[in-house]
N, C-alpha and C. Protein backbone atom coordinates (compact mmCIF):
# COMPACT_ATOMS: atom_id res chain seq x y z
N MET A 1 0.86 -1.18 0.00
CA MET A 1 0.00 0.00 0.00
C MET A 1 0.90 1.23 0.00
N ASP A 2 0.57 2.20 -0.84
CA ASP A 2 1.32 3.45 -0.95
C ASP A 2 0.81 4.43 0.11
N LEU A 3 1.57 4.62 1.18
CA LEU A 3 1.13 5.48 2.28
C LEU A 3 1.22 6.96 1.95
N THR A 4 1.85 7.32 0.84
CA THR A 4 1.91 8.73 0.45
C THR A 4 0.68 9.15 -0.32
N ASN A 5 -0.14 8.21 -0.72
CA ASN A 5 -1.34 8.51 -1.49
C ASN A 5 -2.50 8.81 -0.54
N PRO A 6 -3.05 10.03 -0.55
CA PRO A 6 -4.11 10.38 0.39
C PRO A 6 -5.39 9.58 0.18
N MET A 7 -5.53 8.90 -0.93
CA MET A 7 -6.72 8.09 -1.17
C MET A 7 -6.84 6.97 -0.13
N HIS A 8 -5.71 6.55 0.43
CA HIS A 8 -5.73 5.44 1.38
C HIS A 8 -5.91 5.88 2.82
N ILE A 9 -5.89 7.16 3.05
CA ILE A 9 -5.94 7.68 4.41
C ILE A 9 -7.37 8.11 4.74
N ALA A 10 -7.95 7.49 5.74
CA ALA A 10 -9.29 7.91 6.17
C ALA A 10 -9.13 9.16 7.04
N THR A 11 -9.88 10.18 6.72
CA THR A 11 -9.80 11.43 7.45
C THR A 11 -11.17 11.73 8.04
N LYS A 12 -11.17 12.32 9.23
CA LYS A 12 -12.43 12.63 9.90
C LYS A 12 -12.33 14.03 10.48
N SER A 13 -13.40 14.79 10.29
CA SER A 13 -13.42 16.13 10.88
C SER A 13 -13.76 16.02 12.36
N SER A 14 -13.51 17.09 13.10
CA SER A 14 -14.01 17.12 14.46
C SER A 14 -15.51 17.34 14.40
N LYS A 15 -16.12 17.26 15.53
CA LYS A 15 -17.56 17.45 15.62
C LYS A 15 -17.88 18.92 15.33
N ILE A 16 -18.75 19.15 14.36
CA ILE A 16 -19.13 20.51 13.95
C ILE A 16 -20.54 20.78 14.46
N ASP A 17 -20.71 21.87 15.16
CA ASP A 17 -22.02 22.24 15.70
C ASP A 17 -22.90 22.79 14.58
N ILE A 18 -24.03 22.12 14.32
CA ILE A 18 -24.99 22.59 13.31
C ILE A 18 -26.37 22.78 13.94
N THR A 19 -26.39 23.12 15.22
CA THR A 19 -27.65 23.31 15.92
C THR A 19 -28.49 24.39 15.24
N LEU A 20 -27.86 25.50 14.88
CA LEU A 20 -28.58 26.58 14.21
C LEU A 20 -28.60 26.34 12.71
N GLU A 21 -29.75 26.60 12.09
CA GLU A 21 -29.86 26.36 10.66
C GLU A 21 -28.86 27.20 9.86
N LYS A 22 -28.55 28.40 10.35
CA LYS A 22 -27.58 29.24 9.64
C LYS A 22 -26.21 28.56 9.59
N ASP A 23 -25.86 27.79 10.62
CA ASP A 23 -24.60 27.05 10.62
C ASP A 23 -24.65 25.87 9.66
N THR A 24 -25.80 25.20 9.62
CA THR A 24 -25.99 24.11 8.66
C THR A 24 -25.83 24.65 7.24
N LYS A 25 -26.43 25.80 6.98
CA LYS A 25 -26.36 26.42 5.66
C LYS A 25 -24.91 26.76 5.31
N LEU A 26 -24.18 27.35 6.23
CA LEU A 26 -22.79 27.74 5.99
C LEU A 26 -21.91 26.52 5.69
N ILE A 27 -22.05 25.47 6.48
CA ILE A 27 -21.25 24.25 6.28
C ILE A 27 -21.60 23.61 4.94
N SER A 28 -22.88 23.58 4.59
CA SER A 28 -23.28 22.98 3.30
C SER A 28 -22.67 23.76 2.14
N GLN A 29 -22.63 25.08 2.26
CA GLN A 29 -22.04 25.91 1.21
C GLN A 29 -20.54 25.64 1.09
N LYS A 30 -19.86 25.54 2.22
CA LYS A 30 -18.43 25.26 2.19
C LYS A 30 -18.15 23.91 1.54
N ILE A 31 -18.92 22.90 1.92
CA ILE A 31 -18.73 21.56 1.35
C ILE A 31 -19.03 21.56 -0.14
N SER A 32 -20.04 22.30 -0.57
CA SER A 32 -20.39 22.32 -1.99
C SER A 32 -19.24 22.80 -2.86
N ASN A 33 -18.37 23.65 -2.30
CA ASN A 33 -17.22 24.16 -3.05
C ASN A 33 -16.19 23.07 -3.36
N TYR A 34 -16.25 21.95 -2.67
CA TYR A 34 -15.31 20.85 -2.89
C TYR A 34 -15.90 19.73 -3.75
N LEU A 35 -17.19 19.81 -4.05
CA LEU A 35 -17.83 18.74 -4.80
C LEU A 35 -17.65 18.94 -6.30
N SER A 36 -17.51 17.83 -7.00
CA SER A 36 -17.41 17.87 -8.45
C SER A 36 -18.07 16.63 -9.04
N LYS A 37 -18.25 16.65 -10.35
CA LYS A 37 -18.89 15.52 -11.02
C LYS A 37 -18.21 14.22 -10.61
N GLY A 38 -19.03 13.22 -10.34
CA GLY A 38 -18.53 11.91 -9.94
C GLY A 38 -18.51 11.69 -8.44
N ASP A 39 -18.68 12.76 -7.65
CA ASP A 39 -18.68 12.62 -6.20
C ASP A 39 -19.99 12.04 -5.69
N ILE A 40 -19.87 11.27 -4.63
CA ILE A 40 -21.03 10.69 -3.96
C ILE A 40 -20.93 11.08 -2.49
N VAL A 41 -22.04 11.57 -1.93
CA VAL A 41 -22.06 11.95 -0.53
C VAL A 41 -23.12 11.13 0.17
N PHE A 42 -22.71 10.41 1.22
CA PHE A 42 -23.64 9.64 2.04
C PHE A 42 -24.03 10.49 3.24
N PHE A 43 -25.32 10.52 3.55
CA PHE A 43 -25.87 11.28 4.68
C PHE A 43 -26.46 10.30 5.68
N TYR A 44 -25.82 10.17 6.84
CA TYR A 44 -26.28 9.30 7.91
C TYR A 44 -26.91 10.14 9.02
N GLY A 45 -27.89 9.59 9.69
CA GLY A 45 -28.48 10.26 10.84
C GLY A 45 -29.94 9.94 10.98
N GLU A 46 -30.44 10.18 12.17
CA GLU A 46 -31.83 9.89 12.48
C GLU A 46 -32.79 10.82 11.73
N ILE A 47 -34.05 10.45 11.72
CA ILE A 47 -35.08 11.29 11.12
C ILE A 47 -35.10 12.64 11.83
N GLY A 48 -35.15 13.71 11.05
CA GLY A 48 -35.28 15.04 11.60
C GLY A 48 -34.00 15.71 12.07
N VAL A 49 -32.85 15.06 11.85
CA VAL A 49 -31.59 15.60 12.37
C VAL A 49 -30.98 16.67 11.45
N GLY A 50 -31.52 16.83 10.23
CA GLY A 50 -31.05 17.92 9.38
C GLY A 50 -30.45 17.52 8.04
N LYS A 51 -30.56 16.26 7.66
CA LYS A 51 -29.95 15.81 6.40
C LYS A 51 -30.56 16.51 5.19
N THR A 52 -31.88 16.52 5.09
CA THR A 52 -32.54 17.13 3.93
C THR A 52 -32.37 18.64 3.94
N THR A 53 -32.38 19.26 5.10
CA THR A 53 -32.15 20.70 5.19
C THR A 53 -30.76 21.04 4.67
N PHE A 54 -29.78 20.25 5.06
CA PHE A 54 -28.41 20.44 4.58
C PHE A 54 -28.36 20.35 3.06
N ILE A 55 -29.01 19.33 2.51
CA ILE A 55 -29.02 19.12 1.05
C ILE A 55 -29.72 20.27 0.35
N LYS A 56 -30.82 20.74 0.91
CA LYS A 56 -31.54 21.88 0.33
C LYS A 56 -30.61 23.08 0.22
N HIS A 57 -29.90 23.40 1.28
CA HIS A 57 -28.99 24.55 1.26
C HIS A 57 -27.85 24.32 0.27
N LEU A 58 -27.34 23.11 0.20
CA LEU A 58 -26.25 22.80 -0.72
C LEU A 58 -26.69 23.00 -2.17
N ILE A 59 -27.83 22.43 -2.54
CA ILE A 59 -28.34 22.56 -3.91
C ILE A 59 -28.68 24.01 -4.23
N ASN A 60 -29.36 24.69 -3.34
CA ASN A 60 -29.71 26.09 -3.59
C ASN A 60 -28.47 26.97 -3.73
N TYR A 61 -27.44 26.71 -2.96
CA TYR A 61 -26.20 27.48 -3.07
C TYR A 61 -25.55 27.25 -4.43
N MET A 62 -25.53 26.00 -4.88
CA MET A 62 -24.95 25.70 -6.19
C MET A 62 -25.77 26.36 -7.30
N GLN A 63 -27.08 26.39 -7.14
CA GLN A 63 -27.92 27.09 -8.12
C GLN A 63 -27.59 28.57 -8.16
N SER A 64 -27.46 29.19 -6.98
CA SER A 64 -27.20 30.63 -6.94
C SER A 64 -25.80 30.95 -7.46
N LYS A 65 -24.82 30.09 -7.19
CA LYS A 65 -23.45 30.31 -7.68
C LYS A 65 -23.42 30.36 -9.21
N LEU A 66 -24.28 29.57 -9.84
CA LEU A 66 -24.31 29.52 -11.30
C LEU A 66 -25.42 30.39 -11.87
N ASN A 67 -25.95 31.30 -11.04
CA ASN A 67 -27.02 32.23 -11.47
C ASN A 67 -28.23 31.51 -12.06
N LYS A 68 -28.58 30.39 -11.46
CA LYS A 68 -29.76 29.62 -11.87
C LYS A 68 -30.88 29.89 -10.88
N LYS A 69 -32.08 29.59 -11.31
CA LYS A 69 -33.26 29.78 -10.47
C LYS A 69 -33.17 28.87 -9.24
N ILE A 70 -33.43 29.45 -8.06
CA ILE A 70 -33.46 28.68 -6.82
C ILE A 70 -34.77 27.89 -6.81
N THR A 71 -34.66 26.58 -6.61
CA THR A 71 -35.84 25.73 -6.64
C THR A 71 -36.14 25.17 -5.26
N GLU A 72 -37.33 24.66 -5.12
CA GLU A 72 -37.68 23.94 -3.91
C GLU A 72 -36.91 22.62 -3.93
N VAL A 73 -36.46 22.17 -2.77
CA VAL A 73 -35.74 20.91 -2.66
C VAL A 73 -36.46 20.06 -1.62
N PRO A 74 -37.49 19.34 -2.04
CA PRO A 74 -38.24 18.52 -1.08
C PRO A 74 -37.51 17.21 -0.79
N SER A 75 -37.92 16.56 0.26
CA SER A 75 -37.38 15.25 0.58
C SER A 75 -37.89 14.23 -0.44
N PRO A 76 -37.00 13.39 -0.97
CA PRO A 76 -37.46 12.36 -1.92
C PRO A 76 -37.87 11.05 -1.24
N THR A 77 -38.34 11.13 -0.01
CA THR A 77 -38.69 9.92 0.74
C THR A 77 -39.66 9.03 -0.03
N PHE A 78 -40.66 9.62 -0.67
CA PHE A 78 -41.64 8.79 -1.37
C PHE A 78 -41.29 8.59 -2.84
N ASN A 79 -40.62 9.53 -3.45
CA ASN A 79 -40.22 9.39 -4.85
C ASN A 79 -38.88 8.68 -4.98
N ILE A 80 -38.12 8.61 -3.95
CA ILE A 80 -36.80 7.98 -3.83
C ILE A 80 -35.69 8.79 -4.50
N LEU A 81 -35.96 9.44 -5.63
CA LEU A 81 -34.91 10.15 -6.34
C LEU A 81 -35.45 11.41 -7.01
N TYR A 82 -34.76 12.52 -6.81
CA TYR A 82 -35.00 13.76 -7.55
C TYR A 82 -33.69 14.14 -8.23
N GLU A 83 -33.80 14.70 -9.43
CA GLU A 83 -32.62 15.21 -10.12
C GLU A 83 -32.76 16.70 -10.33
N TYR A 84 -31.62 17.39 -10.20
CA TYR A 84 -31.56 18.83 -10.40
C TYR A 84 -30.50 19.10 -11.45
N LYS A 85 -30.86 19.77 -12.53
CA LYS A 85 -29.90 20.16 -13.55
C LYS A 85 -29.53 21.61 -13.28
N ILE A 86 -28.25 21.82 -13.01
CA ILE A 86 -27.74 23.16 -12.69
C ILE A 86 -26.64 23.45 -13.70
N GLY A 87 -26.98 24.14 -14.77
CA GLY A 87 -26.03 24.34 -15.85
C GLY A 87 -25.68 22.99 -16.45
N GLU A 88 -24.40 22.68 -16.51
CA GLU A 88 -23.93 21.39 -17.04
C GLU A 88 -23.87 20.29 -15.97
N LEU A 89 -24.23 20.64 -14.76
CA LEU A 89 -24.13 19.72 -13.64
C LEU A 89 -25.49 19.10 -13.34
N ILE A 90 -25.47 17.82 -13.05
CA ILE A 90 -26.69 17.12 -12.58
C ILE A 90 -26.43 16.66 -11.16
N ILE A 91 -27.35 16.98 -10.28
CA ILE A 91 -27.28 16.51 -8.90
C ILE A 91 -28.44 15.55 -8.68
N GLN A 92 -28.12 14.35 -8.22
CA GLN A 92 -29.14 13.37 -7.84
C GLN A 92 -29.28 13.43 -6.32
N HIS A 93 -30.51 13.55 -5.86
CA HIS A 93 -30.80 13.52 -4.42
C HIS A 93 -31.66 12.29 -4.17
N CYS A 94 -31.09 11.32 -3.48
CA CYS A 94 -31.76 10.04 -3.23
C CYS A 94 -32.07 9.88 -1.75
N ASP A 95 -33.19 9.25 -1.47
CA ASP A 95 -33.55 8.90 -0.11
C ASP A 95 -33.87 7.41 -0.12
N LEU A 96 -33.01 6.62 0.49
CA LEU A 96 -33.15 5.16 0.43
C LEU A 96 -33.87 4.58 1.64
N TYR A 97 -34.54 5.42 2.41
CA TYR A 97 -35.22 4.98 3.62
C TYR A 97 -36.21 3.85 3.35
N ARG A 98 -36.92 3.93 2.25
CA ARG A 98 -37.96 2.93 1.95
C ARG A 98 -37.45 1.77 1.09
N VAL A 99 -36.21 1.83 0.64
CA VAL A 99 -35.65 0.76 -0.19
C VAL A 99 -35.26 -0.41 0.71
N LYS A 100 -35.75 -1.59 0.38
CA LYS A 100 -35.57 -2.73 1.27
C LYS A 100 -34.67 -3.84 0.73
N SER A 101 -34.29 -3.78 -0.56
CA SER A 101 -33.49 -4.89 -1.10
C SER A 101 -32.48 -4.38 -2.14
N ASP A 102 -31.49 -5.23 -2.41
CA ASP A 102 -30.50 -4.92 -3.43
C ASP A 102 -31.16 -4.76 -4.80
N MET A 103 -32.16 -5.57 -5.06
CA MET A 103 -32.84 -5.50 -6.36
C MET A 103 -33.51 -4.13 -6.54
N GLU A 104 -34.18 -3.65 -5.51
CA GLU A 104 -34.78 -2.32 -5.58
C GLU A 104 -33.70 -1.26 -5.80
N LEU A 105 -32.60 -1.40 -5.09
CA LEU A 105 -31.50 -0.45 -5.21
C LEU A 105 -30.95 -0.44 -6.63
N ASN A 106 -30.77 -1.62 -7.22
CA ASN A 106 -30.27 -1.72 -8.59
C ASN A 106 -31.25 -1.10 -9.59
N ASN A 107 -32.54 -1.25 -9.34
CA ASN A 107 -33.55 -0.69 -10.25
C ASN A 107 -33.56 0.83 -10.26
N ILE A 108 -33.13 1.43 -9.18
CA ILE A 108 -33.09 2.90 -9.10
C ILE A 108 -31.98 3.44 -10.00
N GLY A 109 -30.88 2.71 -10.11
CA GLY A 109 -29.78 3.10 -10.99
C GLY A 109 -29.01 4.33 -10.54
N ILE A 110 -28.84 4.49 -9.23
CA ILE A 110 -28.20 5.71 -8.75
C ILE A 110 -26.72 5.80 -9.11
N PHE A 111 -26.09 4.70 -9.47
CA PHE A 111 -24.67 4.77 -9.81
C PHE A 111 -24.42 4.70 -11.33
N GLU A 112 -25.50 4.78 -12.12
CA GLU A 112 -25.34 4.86 -13.57
C GLU A 112 -24.97 6.30 -13.93
N ASN A 113 -24.21 6.47 -14.97
CA ASN A 113 -23.77 7.81 -15.42
C ASN A 113 -23.14 8.60 -14.28
N GLN A 114 -22.47 7.92 -13.38
CA GLN A 114 -21.93 8.56 -12.19
C GLN A 114 -20.90 9.64 -12.50
N LYS A 115 -20.16 9.47 -13.56
CA LYS A 115 -19.10 10.46 -13.84
C LYS A 115 -19.66 11.82 -14.22
N ASP A 116 -20.95 11.89 -14.54
CA ASP A 116 -21.57 13.15 -14.95
C ASP A 116 -22.42 13.80 -13.86
N THR A 117 -22.49 13.19 -12.67
CA THR A 117 -23.39 13.69 -11.64
C THR A 117 -22.70 13.80 -10.28
N ILE A 118 -23.31 14.57 -9.42
CA ILE A 118 -23.00 14.53 -7.99
C ILE A 118 -24.19 13.83 -7.36
N THR A 119 -23.95 12.81 -6.58
CA THR A 119 -25.03 12.03 -6.00
C THR A 119 -25.04 12.20 -4.49
N LEU A 120 -26.18 12.63 -3.97
CA LEU A 120 -26.39 12.85 -2.54
C LEU A 120 -27.37 11.79 -2.05
N ILE A 121 -26.95 10.96 -1.12
CA ILE A 121 -27.76 9.80 -0.71
C ILE A 121 -28.06 9.83 0.78
N GLU A 122 -29.34 10.00 1.12
CA GLU A 122 -29.78 9.86 2.50
C GLU A 122 -30.09 8.39 2.76
N TRP A 123 -29.81 7.93 3.95
CA TRP A 123 -30.05 6.55 4.38
C TRP A 123 -29.29 5.54 3.49
N PRO A 124 -27.96 5.69 3.37
CA PRO A 124 -27.19 4.81 2.49
C PRO A 124 -26.84 3.45 3.10
N GLU A 125 -27.35 3.16 4.27
CA GLU A 125 -26.98 1.92 4.97
C GLU A 125 -27.23 0.66 4.14
N ILE A 126 -28.18 0.68 3.23
CA ILE A 126 -28.49 -0.50 2.43
C ILE A 126 -27.42 -0.79 1.37
N ILE A 127 -26.57 0.18 1.08
CA ILE A 127 -25.53 0.00 0.07
C ILE A 127 -24.41 -0.83 0.68
N LYS A 128 -24.22 -2.03 0.14
CA LYS A 128 -23.25 -2.96 0.72
C LYS A 128 -21.81 -2.61 0.37
N GLU A 129 -21.57 -2.21 -0.87
CA GLU A 129 -20.21 -1.86 -1.29
C GLU A 129 -20.13 -0.36 -1.50
N LYS A 130 -19.38 0.30 -0.62
CA LYS A 130 -19.22 1.74 -0.73
C LYS A 130 -18.36 2.07 -1.95
N PRO A 131 -18.79 3.03 -2.73
CA PRO A 131 -17.94 3.48 -3.84
C PRO A 131 -16.68 4.13 -3.27
N LYS A 132 -15.62 4.18 -4.07
CA LYS A 132 -14.36 4.77 -3.61
C LYS A 132 -14.46 6.29 -3.50
N ASN A 133 -15.32 6.90 -4.29
CA ASN A 133 -15.41 8.36 -4.35
C ASN A 133 -16.53 8.89 -3.46
N VAL A 134 -16.55 8.42 -2.21
CA VAL A 134 -17.62 8.80 -1.29
C VAL A 134 -17.09 9.69 -0.16
N ILE A 135 -17.94 10.64 0.20
CA ILE A 135 -17.73 11.49 1.37
C ILE A 135 -18.90 11.17 2.30
N GLU A 136 -18.61 10.93 3.57
CA GLU A 136 -19.67 10.56 4.51
C GLU A 136 -19.91 11.69 5.50
N LEU A 137 -21.19 12.04 5.64
CA LEU A 137 -21.60 13.05 6.61
C LEU A 137 -22.49 12.37 7.65
N ASN A 138 -22.04 12.42 8.89
CA ASN A 138 -22.78 11.78 9.99
C ASN A 138 -23.41 12.86 10.86
N PHE A 139 -24.73 12.94 10.83
CA PHE A 139 -25.50 13.92 11.59
C PHE A 139 -25.95 13.27 12.89
N ASN A 140 -25.81 14.00 13.99
CA ASN A 140 -26.16 13.45 15.30
C ASN A 140 -26.91 14.46 16.14
N TYR A 141 -27.77 13.93 17.00
CA TYR A 141 -28.39 14.74 18.04
C TYR A 141 -27.45 14.76 19.23
N GLU A 142 -27.41 15.88 19.92
CA GLU A 142 -26.59 16.03 21.13
C GLU A 142 -27.48 16.58 22.24
N GLU A 143 -27.05 16.40 23.47
CA GLU A 143 -27.70 17.01 24.64
C GLU A 143 -29.23 16.92 24.62
N ASN A 144 -29.73 15.72 24.73
CA ASN A 144 -31.19 15.49 24.80
C ASN A 144 -31.94 16.08 23.61
N LEU A 145 -31.39 15.94 22.44
CA LEU A 145 -32.00 16.38 21.18
C LEU A 145 -32.06 17.90 21.01
N SER A 146 -31.44 18.67 21.90
CA SER A 146 -31.51 20.12 21.79
C SER A 146 -30.43 20.70 20.88
N LYS A 147 -29.43 19.91 20.58
CA LYS A 147 -28.34 20.35 19.71
C LYS A 147 -28.09 19.29 18.65
N ARG A 148 -27.43 19.72 17.57
CA ARG A 148 -27.10 18.81 16.47
C ARG A 148 -25.64 19.00 16.10
N SER A 149 -25.03 17.91 15.64
CA SER A 149 -23.64 18.00 15.22
C SER A 149 -23.43 17.21 13.94
N LEU A 150 -22.28 17.46 13.32
CA LEU A 150 -21.93 16.82 12.06
C LEU A 150 -20.47 16.40 12.13
N ILE A 151 -20.20 15.19 11.67
CA ILE A 151 -18.83 14.71 11.50
C ILE A 151 -18.68 14.28 10.05
N ILE A 152 -17.64 14.78 9.41
CA ILE A 152 -17.37 14.48 8.00
C ILE A 152 -16.21 13.50 7.95
N SER A 153 -16.34 12.46 7.11
CA SER A 153 -15.22 11.53 6.94
C SER A 153 -15.12 11.11 5.49
N SER A 154 -13.89 10.79 5.08
CA SER A 154 -13.67 10.38 3.70
C SER A 154 -12.28 9.80 3.54
N LYS A 155 -12.14 8.84 2.67
CA LYS A 155 -10.84 8.35 2.22
C LYS A 155 -10.53 9.00 0.87
N TYR A 156 -11.51 9.68 0.33
CA TYR A 156 -11.49 10.13 -1.05
C TYR A 156 -11.00 11.57 -1.21
N LYS A 157 -11.59 12.50 -0.51
CA LYS A 157 -11.26 13.92 -0.68
C LYS A 157 -10.68 14.48 0.62
N LYS A 158 -9.42 14.25 0.81
CA LYS A 158 -8.76 14.71 2.03
C LYS A 158 -8.76 16.23 2.14
N LYS A 159 -8.68 16.92 1.03
CA LYS A 159 -8.58 18.38 1.03
C LYS A 159 -9.79 19.05 1.69
N ILE A 160 -10.93 18.40 1.66
CA ILE A 160 -12.16 18.97 2.24
C ILE A 160 -11.97 19.27 3.73
N PHE A 161 -11.09 18.53 4.39
CA PHE A 161 -10.93 18.67 5.83
C PHE A 161 -10.12 19.89 6.24
N ASP A 162 -9.35 20.44 5.32
CA ASP A 162 -8.61 21.66 5.63
C ASP A 162 -9.55 22.80 6.01
N GLU A 163 -10.74 22.79 5.45
CA GLU A 163 -11.74 23.81 5.71
C GLU A 163 -12.28 23.74 7.13
N PHE A 164 -12.22 22.57 7.75
CA PHE A 164 -12.89 22.36 9.04
C PHE A 164 -11.93 22.07 10.18
N LYS A 165 -10.69 22.54 10.08
CA LYS A 165 -9.71 22.36 11.16
C LYS A 165 -9.97 23.31 12.29
């Protein structure tokens, strides 16, 4: 194993306080600046902890950066997948909460045309083989559900962590 290659090094941010929505928005904007076509982001956390809110701010920020119309970003819990075309970029927003089998997961086709999209996946626990180009965001409740935190980890994009030192 080549230890000089950052692809092999798992990196984890410290716990980031996202209790206030304005902080969630700021962190999502910072992370969006590191995303590019082919990236996959896994969103872990309990219901209501802020995953979809984070994604909404991320997508809306990318739309505004490219002078595109800001759109509503609803949860795809029942539709499973929404796509957003932002200029030449396609963002897939998936919610796998209701997906129960590998066959269902394969039918969705979330990893097809991956090199042309950024894929944001809520509830990725059903995915057995993690892609190499994944960034993981772990959302947590703190202090009796009154606070929220985020931990970012990745073997893929080490540079993202410089922002959160």
